[in-house]
Each structure stands twice: as C-alpha cells, then as structure tokens.
Protein backbone atom coordinates (compact mmCIF):
# COMPACT_ATOMS: atom_id res chain seq x y z
CA MET A 1 59.99 52.58 107.35
CA GLY A 2 62.63 54.31 109.42
CA SER A 3 63.76 53.06 112.78
CA HIS A 4 61.10 55.11 114.51
CA SER A 5 58.35 52.85 113.23
CA GLU A 6 60.13 49.75 114.45
CA ASN A 7 60.80 51.31 117.83
CA ILE A 8 57.19 52.14 118.36
CA GLY A 9 55.90 49.03 116.72
CA SER A 10 57.95 46.76 118.94
CA GLU A 11 56.88 48.41 122.16
CA ASN A 12 53.92 47.00 124.00
CA ILE A 13 51.05 49.01 122.60
CA ASP A 14 49.01 48.18 125.68
CA SER A 15 51.35 50.33 127.71
CA ASP A 16 49.81 53.04 125.57
CA LYS A 17 47.64 54.29 128.40
CA SER A 18 50.52 54.66 130.80
CA GLY A 19 50.43 58.40 131.05
CA SER A 20 50.95 59.81 134.48
CA ASP A 21 47.92 58.18 136.05
CA GLU A 22 49.71 57.62 139.33
CA ASN A 23 49.65 61.33 140.08
CA GLY A 24 46.00 61.62 139.30
CA SER A 25 46.16 63.22 135.87
CA VAL A 26 45.89 61.43 132.59
CA GLY A 27 49.28 61.67 130.93
CA VAL A 28 49.35 62.22 127.23
CA GLY A 29 52.96 61.20 126.70
CA ARG A 30 52.88 57.60 125.59
CA ARG A 31 49.49 57.86 123.98
CA ASP A 32 50.26 61.08 122.26
CA LEU A 33 53.49 59.69 120.90
CA ILE A 34 51.51 56.92 119.28
CA ARG A 35 48.81 59.26 118.03
CA ARG A 36 51.46 61.52 116.63
CA SER A 37 53.39 58.66 115.15
CA ALA A 38 50.27 57.53 113.41
CA ALA A 39 49.52 61.07 112.28
CA LEU A 40 53.03 61.42 110.94
CA GLY A 41 52.74 57.94 109.46
CA LEU A 42 55.57 56.48 111.50
CA ILE A 43 53.60 53.33 111.97
CA SER A 44 52.66 51.44 108.89
CA VAL A 45 49.31 49.72 109.05
CA PRO A 46 48.23 47.55 106.12
CA THR A 47 45.07 49.47 105.29
CA MET A 48 44.92 49.13 101.52
CA ALA A 49 43.94 45.48 101.50
CA PHE A 50 41.13 45.88 103.96
CA LEU A 51 39.64 48.93 102.35
CA SER A 52 39.63 47.42 98.90
CA ALA A 53 37.02 45.08 100.30
CA CYS A 54 34.88 47.99 101.49
CA ALA A 55 33.37 48.74 98.14
CA SER A 56 31.76 45.32 97.88
CA SER A 57 30.31 45.34 101.38
CA GLY A 58 26.62 45.26 102.20
CA GLY A 59 24.74 47.40 104.69
CA GLY A 60 22.26 49.29 102.54
CA ASP A 61 20.08 52.29 103.34
CA GLU A 62 17.29 50.04 104.61
CA ASP A 63 19.37 49.45 107.77
CA LYS A 64 19.70 53.15 108.58
CA ALA A 65 17.82 54.87 111.39
CA LYS A 66 14.88 56.96 110.21
CA ALA A 67 15.26 60.71 110.73
CA GLY A 68 13.86 62.20 113.90
CA LYS A 69 12.08 65.51 114.34
CA LYS A 70 14.20 68.56 113.70
CA THR A 71 13.84 71.10 116.52
CA ALA A 72 15.90 73.94 117.98
CA LYS A 73 17.31 71.44 120.50
CA ASN A 74 17.71 68.70 117.87
CA PRO A 75 19.03 70.55 114.80
CA LEU A 76 20.42 67.38 113.18
CA ALA A 77 17.03 65.60 113.44
CA VAL A 78 18.44 62.69 115.44
CA ASN A 79 16.08 59.73 115.83
CA GLU A 80 15.23 59.87 119.53
CA THR A 81 15.01 56.11 119.99
CA ALA A 82 17.78 54.91 117.65
CA GLN A 83 20.92 53.37 119.15
CA MET A 84 24.11 55.44 118.77
CA GLU A 85 27.41 53.57 118.74
CA PHE A 86 30.69 55.33 119.54
CA VAL A 87 34.16 53.70 119.42
CA LEU A 88 36.97 55.69 121.02
CA PHE A 89 40.73 55.21 120.80
CA ASP A 90 41.78 54.28 124.33
CA GLY A 91 45.04 56.16 124.85
CA GLY A 92 46.60 58.71 127.15
CA PHE A 93 43.72 61.14 126.72
CA GLY A 94 41.77 58.44 128.59
CA LYS A 95 38.10 57.77 128.01
CA GLU A 96 36.57 59.84 130.77
CA TYR A 97 36.15 62.97 128.62
CA ALA A 98 34.21 60.95 126.04
CA GLU A 99 32.14 59.10 128.67
CA ASP A 100 31.19 62.47 130.16
CA ALA A 101 30.07 63.70 126.71
CA VAL A 102 28.07 60.46 126.19
CA LYS A 103 26.15 61.21 129.42
CA ILE A 104 25.08 64.54 127.92
CA TYR A 105 23.85 62.70 124.79
CA GLU A 106 21.90 60.22 126.95
CA LYS A 107 20.30 63.08 128.83
CA GLY A 108 19.22 64.67 125.55
CA PHE A 109 17.88 61.39 124.15
CA PRO A 110 16.72 59.36 127.17
CA ASP A 111 15.01 56.71 124.99
CA ALA A 112 18.13 56.02 122.91
CA LYS A 113 20.65 53.35 123.86
CA VAL A 114 24.27 54.46 123.56
CA LYS A 115 26.81 51.73 122.94
CA PHE A 116 30.23 53.08 123.93
CA ALA A 117 33.53 51.20 123.66
CA ALA A 118 37.18 52.17 123.93
CA THR A 119 39.96 50.17 122.29
CA GLN A 120 43.58 50.55 121.26
CA LYS A 121 43.04 48.28 118.28
CA ILE A 122 41.00 50.58 116.07
CA GLN A 123 41.77 48.92 112.76
CA SER A 124 41.62 45.27 113.78
CA THR A 125 38.35 45.91 115.64
CA LEU A 126 36.68 47.98 112.93
CA GLN A 127 38.14 46.62 109.68
CA PRO A 128 35.73 43.64 109.54
CA ARG A 129 32.80 45.93 110.28
CA PHE A 130 33.70 48.32 107.46
CA ASN A 131 33.98 45.29 105.19
CA GLN A 132 30.51 44.11 106.26
CA GLY A 133 29.00 47.58 105.88
CA THR A 134 28.13 47.76 109.61
CA PRO A 135 30.53 50.36 111.08
CA PRO A 136 29.73 52.31 114.27
CA ASP A 137 28.28 55.83 114.15
CA LEU A 138 31.31 57.72 115.50
CA ILE A 139 34.98 56.68 115.59
CA ASP A 140 38.05 58.29 117.13
CA ASN A 141 40.40 57.02 114.41
CA SER A 142 43.68 57.36 116.26
CA GLY A 143 46.66 55.49 117.67
CA ALA A 144 49.01 52.86 116.32
CA GLU A 145 46.16 51.18 114.45
CA GLN A 146 44.80 54.33 112.87
CA MET A 147 43.09 53.66 109.54
CA ASP A 148 44.56 55.58 106.59
CA MET A 149 42.44 58.71 106.15
CA GLY A 150 43.34 59.20 102.49
CA VAL A 151 42.22 55.66 101.72
CA LEU A 152 38.98 56.03 103.73
CA VAL A 153 38.17 59.23 101.84
CA GLY A 154 39.22 57.81 98.47
CA LYS A 155 37.03 54.70 98.97
CA LYS A 156 34.03 56.88 99.97
CA GLN A 157 33.82 55.28 103.40
CA LEU A 158 33.21 58.52 105.36
CA ALA A 159 30.20 60.80 105.76
CA ASP A 160 30.55 64.48 104.91
CA LEU A 161 30.38 66.42 108.19
CA THR A 162 29.01 69.61 106.58
CA PRO A 163 25.55 69.10 108.24
CA LEU A 164 27.30 69.14 111.65
CA LEU A 165 29.30 72.27 110.78
CA ASP A 166 26.18 74.06 109.55
CA ALA A 167 24.08 73.05 112.59
CA VAL A 168 23.61 75.54 115.41
CA SER A 169 26.33 75.30 118.03
CA TYR A 170 25.59 73.55 121.30
CA ASP A 171 25.79 76.75 123.39
CA ASP A 172 24.77 79.60 121.10
CA PRO A 173 21.72 79.37 118.80
CA ASN A 174 23.05 82.39 116.87
CA LYS A 175 26.26 80.62 115.85
CA LYS A 176 26.87 77.62 113.62
CA VAL A 177 29.27 74.95 114.86
CA ARG A 178 31.78 75.99 112.16
CA ASP A 179 31.88 79.53 113.58
CA THR A 180 32.98 78.30 117.01
CA LEU A 181 36.08 76.40 115.84
CA ARG A 182 39.78 77.30 115.94
CA PRO A 183 41.66 78.34 112.76
CA GLY A 184 42.45 75.54 110.30
CA ILE A 185 40.18 72.86 111.79
CA VAL A 186 37.63 72.82 108.95
CA GLU A 187 40.34 72.93 106.24
CA MET A 188 42.20 70.03 107.86
CA GLY A 189 39.14 67.84 107.50
CA GLN A 190 38.98 68.50 103.76
CA PHE A 191 40.86 66.51 101.14
CA ASP A 192 39.40 67.51 97.79
CA GLY A 193 36.91 70.32 97.48
CA ASP A 194 34.26 71.33 100.01
CA PRO A 195 33.28 68.16 101.90
CA VAL A 196 34.71 67.86 105.41
CA TRP A 197 35.47 64.23 106.23
CA ILE A 198 37.27 64.53 109.58
CA MET A 199 36.71 66.50 112.78
CA TYR A 200 40.02 66.91 114.58
CA TYR A 201 39.09 67.32 118.23
CA ALA A 202 42.40 68.16 119.93
CA TYR A 203 44.41 71.24 118.97
CA THR A 204 48.20 71.29 118.86
CA VAL A 205 50.47 74.32 118.94
CA TYR A 206 53.84 73.78 117.23
CA GLY A 207 56.81 76.05 117.76
CA VAL A 208 60.04 76.64 119.66
CA TRP A 209 59.81 75.44 123.28
CA TYR A 210 62.05 76.75 126.03
CA SER A 211 62.41 77.48 129.75
CA GLN A 212 61.51 81.07 130.56
CA LYS A 213 63.70 80.71 133.66
CA ALA A 214 66.72 79.75 131.50
CA LEU A 215 66.18 82.74 129.18
CA ASP A 216 65.82 85.06 132.18
CA SER A 217 69.06 83.74 133.66
CA LEU A 218 70.82 84.78 130.43
CA ASP A 219 69.17 88.18 130.71
CA ALA A 220 67.64 87.52 127.30
CA THR A 221 64.20 87.72 125.73
CA TYR A 222 62.90 85.40 123.02
CA PRO A 223 64.59 86.49 119.75
CA GLN A 224 62.39 87.87 116.97
CA THR A 225 65.05 88.19 114.22
CA TRP A 226 67.76 85.73 113.23
CA ASP A 227 70.57 88.07 114.29
CA GLU A 228 68.97 88.17 117.74
CA MET A 229 68.70 84.37 117.72
CA LEU A 230 72.41 84.00 117.00
CA ALA A 231 73.20 86.52 119.75
CA VAL A 232 71.15 84.58 122.33
CA CYS A 233 72.83 81.32 121.26
CA ALA A 234 76.28 82.96 121.59
CA LYS A 235 75.37 84.11 125.12
CA ALA A 236 74.23 80.60 126.04
CA LYS A 237 77.37 79.01 124.57
CA LYS A 238 79.53 81.19 126.84
CA LYS A 239 77.72 79.61 129.81
CA GLY A 240 78.20 76.10 128.43
CA ILE A 241 74.61 75.78 127.18
CA ALA A 242 73.77 74.79 123.59
CA GLY A 243 71.33 77.02 121.72
CA TRP A 244 69.35 74.17 120.16
CA THR A 245 68.65 70.47 120.20
CA TYR A 246 66.05 68.42 118.27
CA ALA A 247 64.99 64.84 117.63
CA GLY A 248 68.07 63.97 115.59
CA LYS A 249 66.92 60.46 114.70
CA TYR A 250 63.54 61.84 113.59
CA PRO A 251 64.43 65.21 112.08
CA TYR A 252 60.89 65.71 110.78
CA TYR A 253 60.43 67.51 114.13
CA LEU A 254 62.51 70.39 112.68
CA PRO A 255 59.62 71.52 110.43
CA PHE A 256 57.51 72.30 113.53
CA SER A 257 59.48 75.56 113.69
CA LEU A 258 61.10 75.65 110.22
CA TYR A 259 57.88 75.51 108.15
CA PRO A 260 56.13 78.37 109.95
CA MET A 261 59.39 80.33 109.68
CA ILE A 262 59.31 79.81 105.91
CA GLY A 263 55.69 81.00 105.93
CA LYS A 264 56.60 84.05 108.00
CA VAL A 265 59.50 84.99 105.72
CA GLY A 266 57.87 84.32 102.34
CA GLY A 267 54.12 84.31 103.02
CA ARG A 268 51.73 81.39 103.32
CA GLU A 269 51.63 80.94 99.54
CA VAL A 270 55.17 79.53 99.74
CA LEU A 271 53.95 76.78 102.09
CA ASP A 272 50.90 76.17 99.88
CA ALA A 273 53.13 75.74 96.83
CA ILE A 274 55.25 73.23 98.78
CA ASP A 275 52.13 71.29 99.84
CA ASN A 276 50.80 71.40 96.28
CA LEU A 277 54.09 69.83 95.06
CA GLU A 278 54.56 72.66 92.60
CA PRO A 279 57.76 72.57 90.52
CA ASN A 280 60.47 74.78 92.05
CA ALA A 281 58.45 75.42 95.23
CA TRP A 282 61.51 74.59 97.35
CA ASN A 283 63.68 76.98 95.33
CA HIS A 284 61.84 80.02 96.68
CA PRO A 285 64.20 82.59 98.27
CA ALA A 286 62.36 82.26 101.62
CA VAL A 287 63.20 78.53 101.75
CA LYS A 288 66.83 79.28 100.95
CA ALA A 289 67.04 82.00 103.63
CA CYS A 290 65.52 79.75 106.32
CA PHE A 291 67.64 76.70 105.43
CA GLU A 292 70.75 78.89 105.56
CA ALA A 293 69.67 80.29 108.94
CA TYR A 294 69.27 76.81 110.44
CA TYR A 295 72.54 75.65 108.90
CA GLU A 296 74.24 78.57 110.62
CA LEU A 297 73.21 77.06 113.99
CA TYR A 298 75.17 73.95 113.02
CA LYS A 299 78.14 75.88 111.58
CA LYS A 300 78.53 78.10 114.64
CA GLY A 301 78.36 75.13 117.03
CA TYR A 302 75.07 76.21 118.59
CA VAL A 303 73.45 72.75 118.31
CA LEU A 304 73.91 70.38 121.28
CA ARG A 305 76.77 68.01 120.50
CA GLY A 306 75.52 64.53 119.60
CA THR A 307 72.01 65.74 118.67
CA PRO A 308 71.89 63.82 115.33
CA GLY A 309 72.08 60.58 117.33
CA LEU A 310 69.29 61.46 119.81
CA ASP A 311 65.66 60.38 119.55
CA HIS A 312 62.77 62.62 120.59
CA ILE A 313 62.75 61.49 124.24
CA GLN A 314 66.54 61.84 124.62
CA SER A 315 66.61 65.31 123.05
CA GLN A 316 63.66 66.46 125.16
CA THR A 317 65.35 65.12 128.30
CA ALA A 318 68.64 66.91 127.53
CA TRP A 319 66.67 70.12 126.91
CA ALA A 320 64.61 69.70 130.10
CA LYS A 321 67.86 69.27 132.04
CA GLY A 322 69.08 72.64 130.76
CA LYS A 323 71.68 71.38 128.27
CA ALA A 324 70.01 73.30 125.41
CA LEU A 325 67.79 76.38 125.33
CA PHE A 326 65.46 75.71 122.40
CA ILE A 327 63.71 72.67 120.92
CA PRO A 328 61.21 72.48 118.00
CA ASN A 329 58.18 70.53 119.19
CA GLY A 330 54.41 70.37 119.64
CA SER A 331 52.30 71.05 122.71
CA TRP A 332 52.29 67.35 123.66
CA VAL A 333 55.86 67.91 124.95
CA GLU A 334 54.51 69.23 128.26
CA ASN A 335 52.93 65.88 129.07
CA GLU A 336 55.45 63.70 127.30
CA SER A 337 58.32 65.26 129.28
CA ALA A 338 56.41 65.89 132.51
CA ASN A 339 58.63 63.45 134.40
CA VAL A 340 61.86 65.29 133.44
CA ILE A 341 60.79 68.96 133.32
CA PRO A 342 61.78 70.61 136.66
CA ALA A 343 59.00 72.23 138.71
CA ASP A 344 60.51 75.72 138.26
CA PHE A 345 61.29 75.31 134.53
CA ASP A 346 58.52 77.76 133.51
CA LEU A 347 57.82 76.06 130.16
CA ALA A 348 57.01 78.39 127.28
CA VAL A 349 56.47 78.21 123.54
CA SER A 350 57.10 80.90 120.97
CA ALA A 351 56.28 81.33 117.33
CA PRO A 352 59.46 80.90 115.30
CA THR A 353 62.08 83.60 114.96
CA GLY A 354 62.09 85.24 111.52
CA ILE A 355 64.92 86.64 109.41
CA ASP A 356 64.33 90.40 109.73
CA SER A 357 61.79 93.18 109.26
CA SER A 358 61.40 92.39 105.54
CA ASP A 359 59.54 89.12 106.36
CA LYS A 360 56.09 88.93 104.74
CA MET A 361 54.23 87.95 107.94
CA PRO A 362 54.59 89.44 111.44
CA PHE A 363 56.41 87.90 114.38
CA GLY A 364 53.91 85.63 116.11
CA THR A 365 53.06 83.67 112.94
CA ILE A 366 52.71 80.11 114.22
CA TRP A 367 51.79 76.59 113.11
CA ALA A 368 48.79 75.18 114.96
CA SER A 369 46.46 72.44 113.84
CA GLY A 370 44.13 69.65 114.82
CA GLY A 371 44.89 66.21 116.19
CA GLU A 372 42.68 63.32 117.36
CA PRO A 373 40.62 62.66 114.22
CA PHE A 374 36.94 61.76 114.66
CA VAL A 375 34.96 60.37 111.72
CA VAL A 376 31.38 59.32 110.99
CA PRO A 377 31.28 56.36 108.56
CA ALA A 378 29.22 56.74 105.37
CA LYS A 379 27.41 53.47 106.20
CA ALA A 380 26.74 54.34 109.85
CA LYS A 381 23.19 53.33 110.87
CA ASN A 382 22.81 56.54 112.90
CA ALA A 383 25.11 59.13 111.30
CA ALA A 384 23.00 62.00 112.71
CA GLY A 385 23.55 60.57 116.20
CA GLY A 386 27.31 60.38 115.63
CA MET A 387 27.32 64.02 114.48
CA GLU A 388 25.18 65.07 117.46
CA GLN A 389 27.70 63.47 119.82
CA LEU A 390 30.42 65.56 118.14
CA ARG A 391 28.23 68.68 118.41
CA ILE A 392 28.04 68.09 122.17
CA MET A 393 31.81 67.54 122.39
CA LEU A 394 32.38 70.82 120.53
CA GLY A 395 30.37 72.71 123.15
CA GLU A 396 31.97 74.77 125.90
CA ALA A 397 31.32 72.37 128.80
CA SER A 398 32.79 69.30 127.05
CA SER A 399 35.75 71.30 125.76
CA ARG A 400 36.54 72.71 129.19
CA ASN A 401 36.24 69.21 130.67
CA PHE A 402 38.71 67.81 128.09
CA THR A 403 41.23 70.63 128.61
CA SER A 404 41.14 70.39 132.40
CA LYS A 405 41.51 66.60 132.30
CA VAL A 406 44.19 66.14 129.65
CA LYS A 407 46.08 69.46 129.35
CA SER A 408 45.23 69.92 125.69
CA LEU A 409 43.12 72.48 123.86
CA THR A 410 40.20 71.32 121.74
CA ALA A 411 39.00 72.47 118.31
CA TYR A 412 36.43 74.63 120.10
CA ASN A 413 37.75 78.19 120.21
CA GLY A 414 37.45 78.68 123.97
CA GLY A 415 36.87 76.34 126.88
CA THR A 416 39.80 77.62 128.95
CA ASP A 417 37.90 79.99 131.26
CA GLY A 418 37.94 79.00 134.89
CA ILE A 419 40.66 76.36 134.44
CA THR A 420 44.09 76.66 136.02
CA LEU A 421 46.26 76.19 132.95
CA THR A 422 49.65 74.46 133.16
CA PRO A 423 52.62 76.67 132.08
CA GLY A 424 52.95 75.15 128.58
CA LEU A 425 49.21 75.27 127.92
CA LYS A 426 49.00 78.84 129.18
CA SER A 427 51.90 79.81 126.92
CA GLY A 428 50.26 78.03 123.96
CA VAL A 429 47.02 79.95 124.49
CA ALA A 430 49.00 83.21 124.66
CA ALA A 431 50.89 82.30 121.45
CA LEU A 432 47.59 81.65 119.65
CA ASP A 433 46.21 84.97 120.89
CA LYS A 434 49.33 86.74 119.63
CA ALA A 435 49.09 84.98 116.25
CA GLY A 436 45.46 85.95 115.67
CA GLU A 437 44.82 85.18 112.01
CA ASN A 438 48.51 84.45 111.37
CA VAL A 439 48.19 80.72 111.93
CA VAL A 440 49.70 78.52 109.22
CA ASN A 441 48.89 74.86 108.66
CA PRO A 442 51.30 73.02 106.34
CA ARG A 443 49.72 69.79 105.12
CA LEU A 444 52.63 67.63 103.91
CA GLN A 445 52.55 65.54 107.07
CA ASP A 446 48.95 64.46 106.45
CA TRP A 447 48.97 64.41 102.66
CA TYR A 448 52.36 62.83 101.87
CA VAL A 449 53.63 61.06 104.95
CA GLN A 450 56.62 59.28 103.43
CA LEU A 451 57.80 62.37 101.55
CA GLN A 452 57.60 64.47 104.72
CA LYS A 453 59.19 61.97 107.09
CA GLU A 454 61.76 59.89 105.36
CA LYS A 455 62.70 62.12 102.46
CA ILE A 456 62.41 65.77 103.48
CA GLY A 457 62.97 64.96 107.17
CA VAL A 458 65.62 62.27 107.39
CA SER A 459 67.40 62.49 104.01
CA GLY A 460 67.14 66.26 103.58
CA LEU A 461 66.96 68.27 106.82
CA GLY A 462 68.57 65.57 108.96
CA GLU A 463 71.60 65.36 106.69
CA MET A 464 71.90 69.15 106.44
CA MET A 465 71.74 69.69 110.21
CA ALA A 466 74.34 66.96 110.72
CA GLY A 467 76.62 68.93 108.37
CA ARG A 468 76.57 66.34 105.60
CA LEU A 469 74.73 68.53 103.07
CA THR A 470 74.93 72.26 102.39
CA PRO A 471 71.61 74.15 102.30
CA ALA A 472 71.82 74.34 98.49
CA GLU A 473 72.37 70.57 98.26
CA ALA A 474 69.54 69.87 100.71
CA ILE A 475 67.13 72.06 98.73
CA LYS A 476 68.08 70.39 95.45
CA LYS A 477 67.60 66.95 96.98
CA ILE A 478 64.24 67.84 98.56
CA GLN A 479 62.93 69.46 95.36
CA GLY A 480 63.84 66.22 93.58
CA TYR A 481 61.85 64.19 96.12
CA ALA A 482 58.85 66.53 95.75
CA ASP A 483 59.00 66.23 91.94
CA GLU A 484 59.05 62.41 92.24
CA ALA A 485 56.01 62.49 94.52
CA ALA A 486 54.18 64.81 92.10
CA LYS A 487 54.76 62.35 89.25
CA ASP A 488 53.92 59.24 91.30
CA THR A 489 50.62 57.93 89.94
CA ALA A 490 50.31 55.41 92.79
CA ILE A 491 49.52 58.15 95.32
CA LYS A 492 46.52 60.45 95.48
CA HIS A 493 47.45 64.11 95.12
CA TYR A 494 45.84 66.92 97.08
CA LYS A 495 45.82 70.69 96.62
CA HIS A 496 44.95 73.68 98.77
CA GLN A 497 41.50 74.86 97.72
C-alpha cells in the first residue's frame, strides 16, 4: 500500500470521532477521511481470511424471526415483537442521527426490543459473528475496519435490498423507496445484475472547489471551456496566485474533476468503457484531450509549486489560505478544512470545465455518488427489521435531521427544506440542480481499488502532473495497467449493466 495507508493506519483510530465537537457541530473531517480512505481502499484490512470461514458457518433459517403482518404502515411485514439489532460505525457523523431514527422504529414497533451499538471496530467486532452465522440485522459498514464489499457480495453474505426499494416510501404511499432516491444510489449498490446489496446513505458531490470571493476579486466567473480556464489561471498568476493545487501525494483526488470532465467531453460511455476495463478504453480521444488539458496546467506553471509533495490536508490548507484558486475534491472538504477555511471564503463547488462547445455533455455534468454503506446480512435474524430501519432513515424527517446535524446530503432526494445550509452544502445542492440528469458515477474506485489508487492515480496521473510523463506516456501506462487488471483472474470483474 502507498504511504497514505500507513499514515492513516498509524494514527490513533480512536481519535476518529474528533470532528469539531467543541463548537457544537459534529465534524466530519477525521471520520470522513477514514471512511473515504476505506472507500478508496487506502486502508488494507485482511478480509479474505475471515470471509472464507463464512460459508461454513451455522445460523440456519430456524433462527430467523417469523414474518409479521403486512399493512400499509408495515409494508415489509416486520415481526412486531422481534428484536432488531443495528451496529453503526462510530465516526465523525456521530451516532445521534441513527439514535434518532431508532426512536422512530421503536415508536412504530413498541413491543420490539432494539439493540443499538456504535463502534469504530466494525470488522473485529462483526467478523466472529459472520463466521458463526449470527450477524446483526443492519450494519453501517464503514471506517478503517470496513469489510470488503466485493468479498461480502461474492461470498453471498448480504441480503438483496430490492424488497426495501420496492416498498412504499416512508412519507408518500404513492411512491416506492427507489423513486425517492438521488441519481446513482441504486446502481452503486449493485455489483452483478439486478440485486442491490448496499444502501449508501450519505451523498457526496465531487468537483472543482474554490472561493467565490477569490474569483470575484479577479473579476472572473467559473470557466466553462478550457480556454477560459487557462485565461482565469493566467489572471491569477499575475496576482501571485496559483490556478490549481491537489493532493500531490495521493493524486487519485485528480479524478474527482478529471473523470467527469472525460464524461462531459466524450459521453458517459467513455467512462463506462474505462470501468469495464475494455481494451483501448483509455485511448479514446476524449481521454487524450482531457489529459492534455491538465498537463497544460503543469506546463504553463499554473499548479502551485511543490504540490506533488503535498498530502490532502496540506494542499487543502494552502488552497484555503488563498495560495491556489481551484482544488479537485469531494463535499467532505467543507468539514475536513473547517478549521482553515476563512469565514468570508464563500466556499463553492462547480462541475468540471470542459474543452469547448463540441463536448458531448453540457456544462454542469458532475460526479456525485453515495458514501456510508449500510448492509443487511443474509443471515440476519430480522432482515425485514433492518430494512424497515433503513426505510425510516430514507424518509424526509430522518434525512433532514442528518443533513442539519452533519452537513452532508443523504441518498434521499430532498431533506434540505427549512435548513440553513452551509456555503459548500448550498453550492453542492445548486450544482446537483444544475446537473439534473447529467450526473456521472465512475466505479473504478469501488470496483478496482488498487488499479484506481496506486496505478492510475500515483503511477499515472501523479507522474504526469509532476512533469515526469507526457500525456501520451501516461495514457499508454494506464491502459497497460487496465489490461493487466482485466486479465487478472485473482480479482472479480464487474461491468455496467
């Protein structure tokens, strides 16, 4: 693993909750870093060994709760007296949002006991229980000890959440749960075919983050074409400000704006072909155009000097201090950098700049997708109860509660009415509104973690942006890595359906 995994691994994981509690809000920074690191696979957890034992475990159907009575208020036919057990990852999102949702469950099923626990040690706590065939009914599988989703799915350890998606939504009897969710959420929970194994509860907007105040001071607006981007960077350079910085030590942050740019320029099928590891996918003209555009930032001296040596926190701090205009990042940056972003910064996010008017998709095309993966184990005693708890959480009241408490959107397409949104969150909501259906969701970072991080990120993009590879050389190298991954029989391969 790259240095990032060691850095995170060697930190005290129990400081994981140290958001910005002292000012009364739950900070997502530390916790979200760990969640993200796990999502990007920066932390290696030895899951294979434990899950190989799963298949032989006990816990047969005779232990499962009998179905309850299906009614309009109980569409999943939850057993009204059966215990429901819920284990949450205890990170910077805190546990209050989940405890509040549990209270709604208890109100709906007053004769049922709910066993709720929050831990940072998801795998070490739950591994023995998967092995014994006695897992809880709902798990927030997140953090440094996140269990490998691909392995859980491959070993048939998860329940298909289709019954939840097809149930009536918590607020509107005329809508199914699936019809109330944000773009990409259902697809993200799929691995092969129709079953949906994971419900991602948080929703992240990726893009180019900047200070509206800084842009205004340059008398500039956010650039929509690459010529405009270069012009804004030239203006900034005259004032001693770099156009861009990024997490140089972890250059797999670059795709947060580069991948949706590729999708905008060439169409989403180019990103699908890349995810599907198709031969020559990286040789598409849209990839070439976007790599050359980014390389131009390096060539023209528009990248903050020393960026290749900075980690994510250092690059975000330099950017927050006004040393660079733009940074590719996700919506967690608002919380993660809350202690360094000035009060009058006026944080904003934009969909990536394109090349020109010949791009296949309109300006506003953005990458947004789910985070915070919730699962119901296949051998849960009360799977219907676990799904009902998720149905509650995907209702408007629980979603609004989550967003107001932790400054993050949920998978529920709404829940922001009546909340005073922070600048970054407000900008993210506006960017999603502008995107409409033009939301892309590249899957390399959940399907092929090592390929995305160490190979495409560090060895490909990182080397190119440091000036050690030309775009043509970077593309050739990356296509080679993708071809190796496609031929690697040791890894499970996934395809867009």
